[in-house]
Amino acid sequence: MKGELRNPLAGLKSFGSVLLAALLLTSCDSTPNERRAAARTAGRELDSAARTATHKLARIGKATATYNAANRARRARPLDPRQQLAMEATLLGPYNGQINSLTPQDLPAAYGQLVRETRAQRATWTDRDWDYARAVYQRLNDQLKQVRLDMPARDEVRVRARQAEFVSLQAGRTVKGIDAATRQQPK
């Protein structure tokens, strides 16, 4: 019988030697008092890190609430139609004034123009400028809803990619605003 143990005590001998080695190694590395002191120190460090993280999280939460309140108050004010037209002219270039007449073939290029201009100018924009840009973006989206069923799938994919990029740029601005509000919070 090939795979059976010929000596039933052979397995116990190897287990016993492993157990003995483990006991010798664990008993030699430290005393209970040293382990207790190390655990106490690690516990204090963990508590300190938890307090710091809690404090930072509270600051970020307050800053986010402050930013959101200011954001809601700003958005509650109506947009100036003249500035809205100026922003549309800036962002859409050759498609300015044509949003409601854009065809399924024109929409991908119009979204491309919007994203290119947003990328180029976003560094100098205020939150209010982003409100006007968002209004232009919303008007393009409304036109897309009107003609989407007539749009080829490949063009719709390009439009969706540009929409995602615009939303990403906008989210980046929001993050910067929250970061600035966090820096203004007292430490």
N, C-alpha and C. Protein backbone atom coordinates (compact mmCIF):
# COMPACT_ATOMS: atom_id res chain seq x y z
N MET A 1 0.82 -1.16 0.00
CA MET A 1 0.00 0.00 0.00
C MET A 1 0.87 1.23 0.00
N LYS A 2 0.95 1.77 -1.16
CA LYS A 2 1.86 2.88 -1.35
C LYS A 2 1.33 4.12 -0.67
N GLY A 3 0.79 4.85 -0.43
CA GLY A 3 0.46 6.14 0.11
C GLY A 3 0.13 6.14 1.57
N GLU A 4 0.08 4.93 2.19
CA GLU A 4 -0.25 4.91 3.61
C GLU A 4 0.99 5.10 4.44
N LEU A 5 0.81 5.54 5.67
CA LEU A 5 1.93 5.69 6.59
C LEU A 5 2.28 4.33 7.16
N ARG A 6 3.53 4.01 7.11
CA ARG A 6 3.94 2.72 7.66
C ARG A 6 4.09 2.83 9.16
N ASN A 7 4.50 4.01 9.60
CA ASN A 7 4.67 4.21 11.03
C ASN A 7 3.66 5.28 11.46
N PRO A 8 2.63 4.92 12.23
CA PRO A 8 1.62 5.90 12.61
C PRO A 8 2.19 7.02 13.47
N LEU A 9 3.31 6.84 14.11
CA LEU A 9 3.89 7.88 14.97
C LEU A 9 4.74 8.86 14.18
N ALA A 10 5.05 8.56 12.91
CA ALA A 10 5.89 9.44 12.11
C ALA A 10 5.21 10.79 11.91
N GLY A 11 3.91 10.80 11.69
CA GLY A 11 3.18 12.05 11.52
C GLY A 11 3.17 12.86 12.79
N LEU A 12 3.05 12.18 13.93
CA LEU A 12 3.05 12.89 15.21
C LEU A 12 4.42 13.49 15.51
N LYS A 13 5.47 12.78 15.11
CA LYS A 13 6.82 13.30 15.36
C LYS A 13 7.04 14.60 14.59
N SER A 14 6.63 14.64 13.31
CA SER A 14 6.84 15.87 12.54
C SER A 14 5.95 16.99 13.07
N PHE A 15 4.71 16.67 13.46
CA PHE A 15 3.82 17.68 14.05
C PHE A 15 4.39 18.20 15.35
N GLY A 16 4.91 17.30 16.15
CA GLY A 16 5.49 17.68 17.43
C GLY A 16 6.70 18.58 17.26
N SER A 17 7.52 18.29 16.26
CA SER A 17 8.71 19.13 16.05
C SER A 17 8.31 20.52 15.55
N VAL A 18 7.28 20.60 14.72
CA VAL A 18 6.79 21.90 14.26
C VAL A 18 6.19 22.68 15.43
N LEU A 19 5.44 22.01 16.27
CA LEU A 19 4.84 22.65 17.44
C LEU A 19 5.91 23.15 18.39
N LEU A 20 6.93 22.34 18.62
CA LEU A 20 8.03 22.73 19.50
C LEU A 20 8.77 23.95 18.95
N ALA A 21 9.02 23.95 17.64
CA ALA A 21 9.71 25.09 17.01
C ALA A 21 8.87 26.35 17.13
N ALA A 22 7.56 26.23 16.93
CA ALA A 22 6.69 27.39 17.05
C ALA A 22 6.67 27.93 18.46
N LEU A 23 6.62 27.05 19.44
CA LEU A 23 6.63 27.49 20.84
C LEU A 23 7.93 28.18 21.20
N LEU A 24 9.03 27.62 20.73
CA LEU A 24 10.33 28.23 21.01
C LEU A 24 10.45 29.61 20.37
N LEU A 25 9.97 29.73 19.13
CA LEU A 25 10.07 31.02 18.45
C LEU A 25 9.17 32.07 19.08
N THR A 26 7.96 31.70 19.46
CA THR A 26 7.06 32.70 20.04
C THR A 26 7.45 33.05 21.45
N SER A 27 8.04 32.14 22.15
CA SER A 27 8.40 32.46 23.53
C SER A 27 9.66 33.30 23.61
N CYS A 28 10.44 33.31 22.54
CA CYS A 28 11.70 34.03 22.58
C CYS A 28 11.58 35.46 22.09
N ASP A 29 10.54 35.78 21.30
CA ASP A 29 10.54 37.09 20.67
C ASP A 29 10.21 38.23 21.63
N SER A 30 9.34 38.04 22.58
CA SER A 30 9.04 39.13 23.51
C SER A 30 8.34 38.58 24.74
N THR A 31 8.29 39.41 25.72
CA THR A 31 7.59 39.04 26.94
C THR A 31 6.17 39.58 26.86
N PRO A 32 5.28 39.09 27.70
CA PRO A 32 3.91 39.61 27.69
C PRO A 32 3.86 41.12 27.95
N ASN A 33 4.71 41.63 28.80
CA ASN A 33 4.71 43.07 29.08
C ASN A 33 5.13 43.88 27.85
N GLU A 34 6.12 43.37 27.10
CA GLU A 34 6.53 44.06 25.89
C GLU A 34 5.42 44.06 24.85
N ARG A 35 4.74 42.93 24.70
CA ARG A 35 3.63 42.86 23.75
C ARG A 35 2.50 43.78 24.17
N ARG A 36 2.22 43.84 25.46
CA ARG A 36 1.16 44.72 25.97
C ARG A 36 1.52 46.18 25.70
N ALA A 37 2.77 46.56 25.93
CA ALA A 37 3.21 47.94 25.68
C ALA A 37 3.13 48.28 24.19
N ALA A 38 3.53 47.34 23.34
CA ALA A 38 3.46 47.58 21.90
C ALA A 38 2.00 47.72 21.46
N ALA A 39 1.12 46.90 22.00
CA ALA A 39 -0.30 46.99 21.66
C ALA A 39 -0.88 48.32 22.13
N ARG A 40 -0.48 48.76 23.31
CA ARG A 40 -0.96 50.03 23.86
C ARG A 40 -0.50 51.20 22.97
N THR A 41 0.76 51.17 22.55
CA THR A 41 1.30 52.23 21.68
C THR A 41 0.58 52.24 20.33
N ALA A 42 0.40 51.07 19.77
CA ALA A 42 -0.31 50.98 18.49
C ALA A 42 -1.75 51.46 18.64
N GLY A 43 -2.38 51.14 19.75
CA GLY A 43 -3.75 51.60 20.00
C GLY A 43 -3.83 53.11 20.09
N ARG A 44 -2.85 53.72 20.78
CA ARG A 44 -2.83 55.19 20.88
C ARG A 44 -2.65 55.83 19.51
N GLU A 45 -1.74 55.26 18.71
CA GLU A 45 -1.51 55.80 17.36
C GLU A 45 -2.77 55.67 16.51
N LEU A 46 -3.46 54.56 16.63
CA LEU A 46 -4.69 54.35 15.88
C LEU A 46 -5.77 55.33 16.34
N ASP A 47 -5.90 55.54 17.64
CA ASP A 47 -6.86 56.51 18.15
C ASP A 47 -6.56 57.92 17.66
N SER A 48 -5.28 58.27 17.65
CA SER A 48 -4.87 59.59 17.17
C SER A 48 -5.21 59.77 15.69
N ALA A 49 -4.93 58.75 14.90
CA ALA A 49 -5.25 58.81 13.47
C ALA A 49 -6.76 58.90 13.25
N ALA A 50 -7.53 58.19 14.06
CA ALA A 50 -8.99 58.23 13.94
C ALA A 50 -9.51 59.62 14.29
N ARG A 51 -8.97 60.24 15.35
CA ARG A 51 -9.40 61.60 15.71
C ARG A 51 -9.08 62.59 14.60
N THR A 52 -7.88 62.48 14.04
CA THR A 52 -7.48 63.38 12.95
C THR A 52 -8.40 63.21 11.74
N ALA A 53 -8.67 61.97 11.38
CA ALA A 53 -9.55 61.71 10.23
C ALA A 53 -10.96 62.22 10.50
N THR A 54 -11.45 62.05 11.72
CA THR A 54 -12.79 62.54 12.07
C THR A 54 -12.84 64.05 11.95
N HIS A 55 -11.81 64.72 12.43
CA HIS A 55 -11.76 66.18 12.36
C HIS A 55 -11.74 66.66 10.91
N LYS A 56 -10.91 66.01 10.08
CA LYS A 56 -10.84 66.39 8.67
C LYS A 56 -12.16 66.14 7.96
N LEU A 57 -12.77 65.03 8.24
CA LEU A 57 -14.05 64.70 7.62
C LEU A 57 -15.13 65.70 8.02
N ALA A 58 -15.13 66.12 9.27
CA ALA A 58 -16.10 67.12 9.73
C ALA A 58 -15.87 68.44 9.01
N ARG A 59 -14.60 68.84 8.85
CA ARG A 59 -14.29 70.09 8.14
C ARG A 59 -14.76 70.02 6.69
N ILE A 60 -14.50 68.90 6.04
CA ILE A 60 -14.91 68.75 4.65
C ILE A 60 -16.43 68.75 4.54
N GLY A 61 -17.10 68.11 5.48
CA GLY A 61 -18.56 68.10 5.49
C GLY A 61 -19.14 69.50 5.64
N LYS A 62 -18.57 70.29 6.55
CA LYS A 62 -19.04 71.67 6.73
C LYS A 62 -18.77 72.50 5.48
N ALA A 63 -17.59 72.32 4.90
CA ALA A 63 -17.25 73.08 3.69
C ALA A 63 -18.17 72.70 2.54
N THR A 64 -18.48 71.43 2.41
CA THR A 64 -19.38 70.99 1.35
C THR A 64 -20.77 71.57 1.55
N ALA A 65 -21.24 71.59 2.77
CA ALA A 65 -22.55 72.17 3.06
C ALA A 65 -22.55 73.67 2.74
N THR A 66 -21.49 74.36 3.11
CA THR A 66 -21.38 75.79 2.81
C THR A 66 -21.37 76.02 1.30
N TYR A 67 -20.57 75.23 0.59
CA TYR A 67 -20.49 75.37 -0.86
C TYR A 67 -21.85 75.08 -1.51
N ASN A 68 -22.52 74.03 -1.06
CA ASN A 68 -23.83 73.69 -1.63
C ASN A 68 -24.86 74.78 -1.37
N ALA A 69 -24.84 75.37 -0.18
CA ALA A 69 -25.79 76.44 0.13
C ALA A 69 -25.53 77.65 -0.78
N ALA A 70 -24.28 78.02 -0.94
CA ALA A 70 -23.94 79.14 -1.83
C ALA A 70 -24.30 78.81 -3.27
N ASN A 71 -24.08 77.57 -3.67
CA ASN A 71 -24.40 77.11 -5.02
C ASN A 71 -25.90 77.20 -5.28
N ARG A 72 -26.70 76.73 -4.33
CA ARG A 72 -28.16 76.79 -4.49
C ARG A 72 -28.65 78.24 -4.55
N ALA A 73 -28.09 79.10 -3.71
CA ALA A 73 -28.50 80.50 -3.71
C ALA A 73 -28.14 81.16 -5.04
N ARG A 74 -26.96 80.87 -5.56
CA ARG A 74 -26.54 81.45 -6.84
C ARG A 74 -27.42 80.96 -7.98
N ARG A 75 -27.72 79.67 -7.98
CA ARG A 75 -28.54 79.10 -9.06
C ARG A 75 -30.00 79.55 -8.98
N ALA A 76 -30.43 79.98 -7.81
CA ALA A 76 -31.81 80.44 -7.66
C ALA A 76 -32.03 81.76 -8.40
N ARG A 77 -30.96 82.53 -8.57
CA ARG A 77 -31.09 83.79 -9.31
C ARG A 77 -31.20 83.47 -10.80
N PRO A 78 -32.11 84.13 -11.50
CA PRO A 78 -32.26 83.84 -12.93
C PRO A 78 -31.05 84.34 -13.73
N LEU A 79 -30.81 83.67 -14.84
CA LEU A 79 -29.71 84.05 -15.71
C LEU A 79 -30.11 85.25 -16.55
N ASP A 80 -29.17 86.13 -16.80
CA ASP A 80 -29.39 87.29 -17.64
C ASP A 80 -29.42 86.83 -19.10
N PRO A 81 -30.51 87.10 -19.83
CA PRO A 81 -30.62 86.62 -21.21
C PRO A 81 -29.49 87.13 -22.12
N ARG A 82 -29.04 88.37 -21.91
CA ARG A 82 -27.96 88.90 -22.74
C ARG A 82 -26.66 88.15 -22.50
N GLN A 83 -26.36 87.88 -21.24
CA GLN A 83 -25.15 87.12 -20.94
C GLN A 83 -25.26 85.68 -21.42
N GLN A 84 -26.48 85.17 -21.39
CA GLN A 84 -26.70 83.81 -21.88
C GLN A 84 -26.41 83.73 -23.38
N LEU A 85 -26.87 84.74 -24.13
CA LEU A 85 -26.59 84.77 -25.56
C LEU A 85 -25.10 84.95 -25.83
N ALA A 86 -24.45 85.77 -25.01
CA ALA A 86 -23.00 85.98 -25.17
C ALA A 86 -22.25 84.68 -24.91
N MET A 87 -22.64 83.94 -23.88
CA MET A 87 -21.97 82.67 -23.59
C MET A 87 -22.23 81.66 -24.70
N GLU A 88 -23.45 81.66 -25.23
CA GLU A 88 -23.75 80.75 -26.34
C GLU A 88 -22.87 81.08 -27.54
N ALA A 89 -22.70 82.37 -27.83
CA ALA A 89 -21.85 82.78 -28.95
C ALA A 89 -20.40 82.34 -28.71
N THR A 90 -19.95 82.48 -27.48
CA THR A 90 -18.58 82.10 -27.15
C THR A 90 -18.37 80.60 -27.27
N LEU A 91 -19.30 79.83 -26.74
CA LEU A 91 -19.12 78.38 -26.68
C LEU A 91 -19.43 77.66 -27.99
N LEU A 92 -20.42 78.15 -28.72
CA LEU A 92 -20.85 77.40 -29.91
C LEU A 92 -20.28 77.93 -31.21
N GLY A 93 -19.67 79.11 -31.19
CA GLY A 93 -19.04 79.64 -32.40
C GLY A 93 -19.97 79.62 -33.60
N PRO A 94 -19.67 78.81 -34.62
CA PRO A 94 -20.48 78.81 -35.84
C PRO A 94 -21.91 78.29 -35.63
N TYR A 95 -22.17 77.64 -34.53
CA TYR A 95 -23.51 77.10 -34.27
C TYR A 95 -24.34 78.06 -33.41
N ASN A 96 -23.82 79.24 -33.15
CA ASN A 96 -24.50 80.23 -32.33
C ASN A 96 -25.85 80.60 -32.95
N GLY A 97 -26.89 80.61 -32.12
CA GLY A 97 -28.22 80.99 -32.58
C GLY A 97 -28.94 79.91 -33.36
N GLN A 98 -28.34 78.76 -33.52
CA GLN A 98 -28.93 77.70 -34.33
C GLN A 98 -29.30 76.46 -33.53
N ILE A 99 -29.26 76.54 -32.22
CA ILE A 99 -29.46 75.33 -31.42
C ILE A 99 -30.77 74.64 -31.76
N ASN A 100 -31.84 75.40 -31.89
CA ASN A 100 -33.15 74.78 -32.14
C ASN A 100 -33.30 74.22 -33.55
N SER A 101 -32.37 74.55 -34.43
CA SER A 101 -32.47 74.04 -35.79
C SER A 101 -31.34 73.06 -36.13
N LEU A 102 -30.57 72.64 -35.13
CA LEU A 102 -29.49 71.69 -35.38
C LEU A 102 -30.06 70.33 -35.78
N THR A 103 -29.47 69.74 -36.78
CA THR A 103 -29.91 68.43 -37.27
C THR A 103 -29.09 67.34 -36.60
N PRO A 104 -29.52 66.09 -36.75
CA PRO A 104 -28.74 64.99 -36.17
C PRO A 104 -27.29 64.96 -36.70
N GLN A 105 -27.07 65.45 -37.90
CA GLN A 105 -25.72 65.47 -38.45
C GLN A 105 -24.88 66.59 -37.84
N ASP A 106 -25.52 67.68 -37.41
CA ASP A 106 -24.81 68.84 -36.86
C ASP A 106 -24.51 68.71 -35.37
N LEU A 107 -25.32 67.97 -34.65
CA LEU A 107 -25.18 67.92 -33.18
C LEU A 107 -23.82 67.42 -32.69
N PRO A 108 -23.24 66.36 -33.26
CA PRO A 108 -21.92 65.95 -32.75
C PRO A 108 -20.87 67.06 -32.85
N ALA A 109 -20.89 67.78 -33.96
CA ALA A 109 -19.92 68.88 -34.12
C ALA A 109 -20.22 70.02 -33.15
N ALA A 110 -21.49 70.29 -32.90
CA ALA A 110 -21.85 71.35 -31.95
C ALA A 110 -21.40 70.99 -30.54
N TYR A 111 -21.59 69.74 -30.15
CA TYR A 111 -21.10 69.29 -28.84
C TYR A 111 -19.57 69.37 -28.79
N GLY A 112 -18.92 69.01 -29.89
CA GLY A 112 -17.46 69.10 -29.95
C GLY A 112 -16.99 70.54 -29.76
N GLN A 113 -17.67 71.48 -30.42
CA GLN A 113 -17.34 72.90 -30.27
C GLN A 113 -17.53 73.34 -28.82
N LEU A 114 -18.63 72.93 -28.22
CA LEU A 114 -18.91 73.28 -26.82
C LEU A 114 -17.80 72.78 -25.89
N VAL A 115 -17.41 71.54 -26.06
CA VAL A 115 -16.39 70.95 -25.17
C VAL A 115 -15.03 71.60 -25.41
N ARG A 116 -14.68 71.85 -26.67
CA ARG A 116 -13.39 72.50 -26.96
C ARG A 116 -13.30 73.87 -26.31
N GLU A 117 -14.34 74.67 -26.46
CA GLU A 117 -14.33 76.01 -25.88
C GLU A 117 -14.38 75.96 -24.36
N THR A 118 -15.10 75.00 -23.82
CA THR A 118 -15.15 74.86 -22.36
C THR A 118 -13.77 74.51 -21.83
N ARG A 119 -13.10 73.58 -22.48
CA ARG A 119 -11.74 73.21 -22.07
C ARG A 119 -10.81 74.41 -22.12
N ALA A 120 -10.94 75.21 -23.17
CA ALA A 120 -10.03 76.34 -23.37
C ALA A 120 -10.27 77.46 -22.36
N GLN A 121 -11.51 77.65 -21.92
CA GLN A 121 -11.83 78.82 -21.11
C GLN A 121 -12.14 78.52 -19.65
N ARG A 122 -12.25 77.29 -19.28
CA ARG A 122 -12.71 76.94 -17.93
C ARG A 122 -11.83 77.48 -16.82
N ALA A 123 -10.56 77.67 -17.07
CA ALA A 123 -9.64 78.13 -16.01
C ALA A 123 -9.99 79.53 -15.53
N THR A 124 -10.59 80.33 -16.38
CA THR A 124 -10.91 81.71 -16.01
C THR A 124 -12.36 81.90 -15.59
N TRP A 125 -13.15 80.86 -15.64
CA TRP A 125 -14.57 80.98 -15.35
C TRP A 125 -14.86 81.03 -13.86
N THR A 126 -15.89 81.80 -13.54
CA THR A 126 -16.43 81.82 -12.18
C THR A 126 -17.55 80.78 -12.12
N ASP A 127 -18.10 80.58 -10.94
CA ASP A 127 -19.23 79.66 -10.82
C ASP A 127 -20.42 80.14 -11.65
N ARG A 128 -20.60 81.45 -11.74
CA ARG A 128 -21.71 81.98 -12.53
C ARG A 128 -21.50 81.71 -14.02
N ASP A 129 -20.26 81.80 -14.48
CA ASP A 129 -19.97 81.46 -15.88
C ASP A 129 -20.32 80.00 -16.16
N TRP A 130 -20.05 79.15 -15.18
CA TRP A 130 -20.42 77.74 -15.34
C TRP A 130 -21.93 77.59 -15.41
N ASP A 131 -22.68 78.44 -14.71
CA ASP A 131 -24.14 78.39 -14.80
C ASP A 131 -24.59 78.69 -16.23
N TYR A 132 -23.97 79.70 -16.85
CA TYR A 132 -24.31 80.04 -18.23
C TYR A 132 -23.89 78.92 -19.19
N ALA A 133 -22.73 78.35 -18.98
CA ALA A 133 -22.28 77.24 -19.83
C ALA A 133 -23.22 76.04 -19.67
N ARG A 134 -23.66 75.80 -18.45
CA ARG A 134 -24.59 74.70 -18.19
C ARG A 134 -25.92 74.94 -18.91
N ALA A 135 -26.34 76.20 -19.00
CA ALA A 135 -27.58 76.52 -19.70
C ALA A 135 -27.45 76.23 -21.20
N VAL A 136 -26.30 76.56 -21.78
CA VAL A 136 -26.06 76.25 -23.19
C VAL A 136 -26.05 74.73 -23.39
N TYR A 137 -25.38 74.04 -22.50
CA TYR A 137 -25.32 72.58 -22.55
C TYR A 137 -26.73 71.99 -22.46
N GLN A 138 -27.56 72.53 -21.58
CA GLN A 138 -28.92 72.04 -21.42
C GLN A 138 -29.75 72.26 -22.69
N ARG A 139 -29.55 73.40 -23.33
CA ARG A 139 -30.28 73.67 -24.58
C ARG A 139 -29.86 72.67 -25.67
N LEU A 140 -28.56 72.36 -25.72
CA LEU A 140 -28.11 71.34 -26.68
C LEU A 140 -28.74 69.99 -26.36
N ASN A 141 -28.80 69.65 -25.08
CA ASN A 141 -29.42 68.38 -24.68
C ASN A 141 -30.90 68.34 -25.05
N ASP A 142 -31.58 69.46 -24.90
CA ASP A 142 -33.00 69.52 -25.28
C ASP A 142 -33.17 69.28 -26.78
N GLN A 143 -32.28 69.86 -27.58
CA GLN A 143 -32.35 69.64 -29.02
C GLN A 143 -32.02 68.18 -29.35
N LEU A 144 -31.09 67.60 -28.63
CA LEU A 144 -30.75 66.19 -28.84
C LEU A 144 -31.98 65.31 -28.59
N LYS A 145 -32.74 65.61 -27.55
CA LYS A 145 -33.95 64.83 -27.27
C LYS A 145 -34.93 64.89 -28.44
N GLN A 146 -34.96 66.03 -29.13
CA GLN A 146 -35.89 66.19 -30.24
C GLN A 146 -35.50 65.35 -31.46
N VAL A 147 -34.20 65.19 -31.68
CA VAL A 147 -33.75 64.54 -32.92
C VAL A 147 -33.02 63.22 -32.69
N ARG A 148 -32.96 62.76 -31.47
CA ARG A 148 -32.15 61.59 -31.14
C ARG A 148 -32.56 60.35 -31.93
N LEU A 149 -33.83 60.15 -32.16
CA LEU A 149 -34.27 58.95 -32.87
C LEU A 149 -33.82 58.94 -34.33
N ASP A 150 -33.51 60.11 -34.88
CA ASP A 150 -33.04 60.19 -36.26
C ASP A 150 -31.52 60.14 -36.37
N MET A 151 -30.85 60.08 -35.24
CA MET A 151 -29.38 60.13 -35.22
C MET A 151 -28.80 58.73 -35.34
N PRO A 152 -27.78 58.56 -36.20
CA PRO A 152 -27.10 57.26 -36.27
C PRO A 152 -26.42 56.93 -34.94
N ALA A 153 -26.31 55.67 -34.64
CA ALA A 153 -25.75 55.23 -33.36
C ALA A 153 -24.31 55.72 -33.18
N ARG A 154 -23.52 55.71 -34.23
CA ARG A 154 -22.12 56.14 -34.09
C ARG A 154 -22.04 57.62 -33.71
N ASP A 155 -22.96 58.44 -34.23
CA ASP A 155 -22.98 59.86 -33.85
C ASP A 155 -23.48 60.04 -32.43
N GLU A 156 -24.43 59.22 -32.04
CA GLU A 156 -24.94 59.32 -30.67
C GLU A 156 -23.86 58.95 -29.66
N VAL A 157 -23.03 57.98 -30.00
CA VAL A 157 -21.92 57.60 -29.11
C VAL A 157 -20.95 58.77 -28.96
N ARG A 158 -20.66 59.45 -30.07
CA ARG A 158 -19.76 60.62 -29.99
C ARG A 158 -20.37 61.73 -29.13
N VAL A 159 -21.67 61.94 -29.28
CA VAL A 159 -22.35 62.96 -28.47
C VAL A 159 -22.30 62.58 -27.00
N ARG A 160 -22.56 61.33 -26.69
CA ARG A 160 -22.53 60.88 -25.29
C ARG A 160 -21.13 61.04 -24.69
N ALA A 161 -20.11 60.78 -25.48
CA ALA A 161 -18.74 60.96 -24.99
C ALA A 161 -18.46 62.43 -24.68
N ARG A 162 -18.95 63.31 -25.53
CA ARG A 162 -18.74 64.75 -25.28
C ARG A 162 -19.58 65.23 -24.11
N GLN A 163 -20.75 64.67 -23.94
CA GLN A 163 -21.55 65.01 -22.75
C GLN A 163 -20.81 64.59 -21.49
N ALA A 164 -20.24 63.40 -21.52
CA ALA A 164 -19.50 62.91 -20.35
C ALA A 164 -18.30 63.80 -20.06
N GLU A 165 -17.64 64.27 -21.11
CA GLU A 165 -16.49 65.15 -20.88
C GLU A 165 -16.93 66.48 -20.28
N PHE A 166 -18.02 67.04 -20.77
CA PHE A 166 -18.51 68.31 -20.21
C PHE A 166 -18.86 68.14 -18.74
N VAL A 167 -19.55 67.06 -18.42
CA VAL A 167 -19.93 66.81 -17.02
C VAL A 167 -18.68 66.62 -16.17
N SER A 168 -17.65 65.98 -16.72
CA SER A 168 -16.40 65.80 -15.98
C SER A 168 -15.72 67.13 -15.71
N LEU A 169 -15.69 68.00 -16.71
CA LEU A 169 -15.10 69.33 -16.52
C LEU A 169 -15.87 70.11 -15.45
N GLN A 170 -17.17 69.99 -15.50
CA GLN A 170 -18.02 70.67 -14.52
C GLN A 170 -17.79 70.10 -13.12
N ALA A 171 -17.66 68.80 -13.02
CA ALA A 171 -17.40 68.17 -11.71
C ALA A 171 -16.04 68.59 -11.17
N GLY A 172 -15.07 68.74 -12.06
CA GLY A 172 -13.75 69.22 -11.63
C GLY A 172 -13.85 70.61 -11.01
N ARG A 173 -14.68 71.45 -11.59
CA ARG A 173 -14.89 72.79 -11.04
C ARG A 173 -15.54 72.70 -9.66
N THR A 174 -16.50 71.81 -9.51
CA THR A 174 -17.17 71.64 -8.22
C THR A 174 -16.18 71.18 -7.16
N VAL A 175 -15.31 70.27 -7.52
CA VAL A 175 -14.30 69.78 -6.57
C VAL A 175 -13.38 70.93 -6.15
N LYS A 176 -12.98 71.76 -7.11
CA LYS A 176 -12.13 72.90 -6.77
C LYS A 176 -12.87 73.87 -5.84
N GLY A 177 -14.16 74.06 -6.09
CA GLY A 177 -14.94 74.94 -5.22
C GLY A 177 -15.05 74.39 -3.80
N ILE A 178 -15.27 73.10 -3.68
CA ILE A 178 -15.35 72.49 -2.35
C ILE A 178 -13.99 72.54 -1.67
N ASP A 179 -12.92 72.33 -2.44
CA ASP A 179 -11.57 72.41 -1.87
C ASP A 179 -11.29 73.83 -1.36
N ALA A 180 -11.68 74.83 -2.13
CA ALA A 180 -11.47 76.22 -1.69
C ALA A 180 -12.29 76.51 -0.44
N ALA A 181 -13.52 75.99 -0.38
CA ALA A 181 -14.34 76.19 0.81
C ALA A 181 -13.74 75.48 2.02
N THR A 182 -13.14 74.33 1.80
CA THR A 182 -12.50 73.59 2.89
C THR A 182 -11.30 74.36 3.43
N ARG A 183 -10.55 74.97 2.54
CA ARG A 183 -9.39 75.74 2.97
C ARG A 183 -9.80 76.96 3.79
N GLN A 184 -11.00 77.48 3.54
CA GLN A 184 -11.47 78.64 4.29
C GLN A 184 -12.02 78.27 5.66
N GLN A 185 -12.33 76.99 5.85
CA GLN A 185 -12.84 76.53 7.15
C GLN A 185 -11.75 76.64 8.20
N PRO A 186 -12.10 77.03 9.42
CA PRO A 186 -11.08 77.06 10.48
C PRO A 186 -10.62 75.64 10.80
N LYS A 187 -9.34 75.51 11.08
CA LYS A 187 -8.80 74.18 11.38
C LYS A 187 -9.03 73.92 12.80
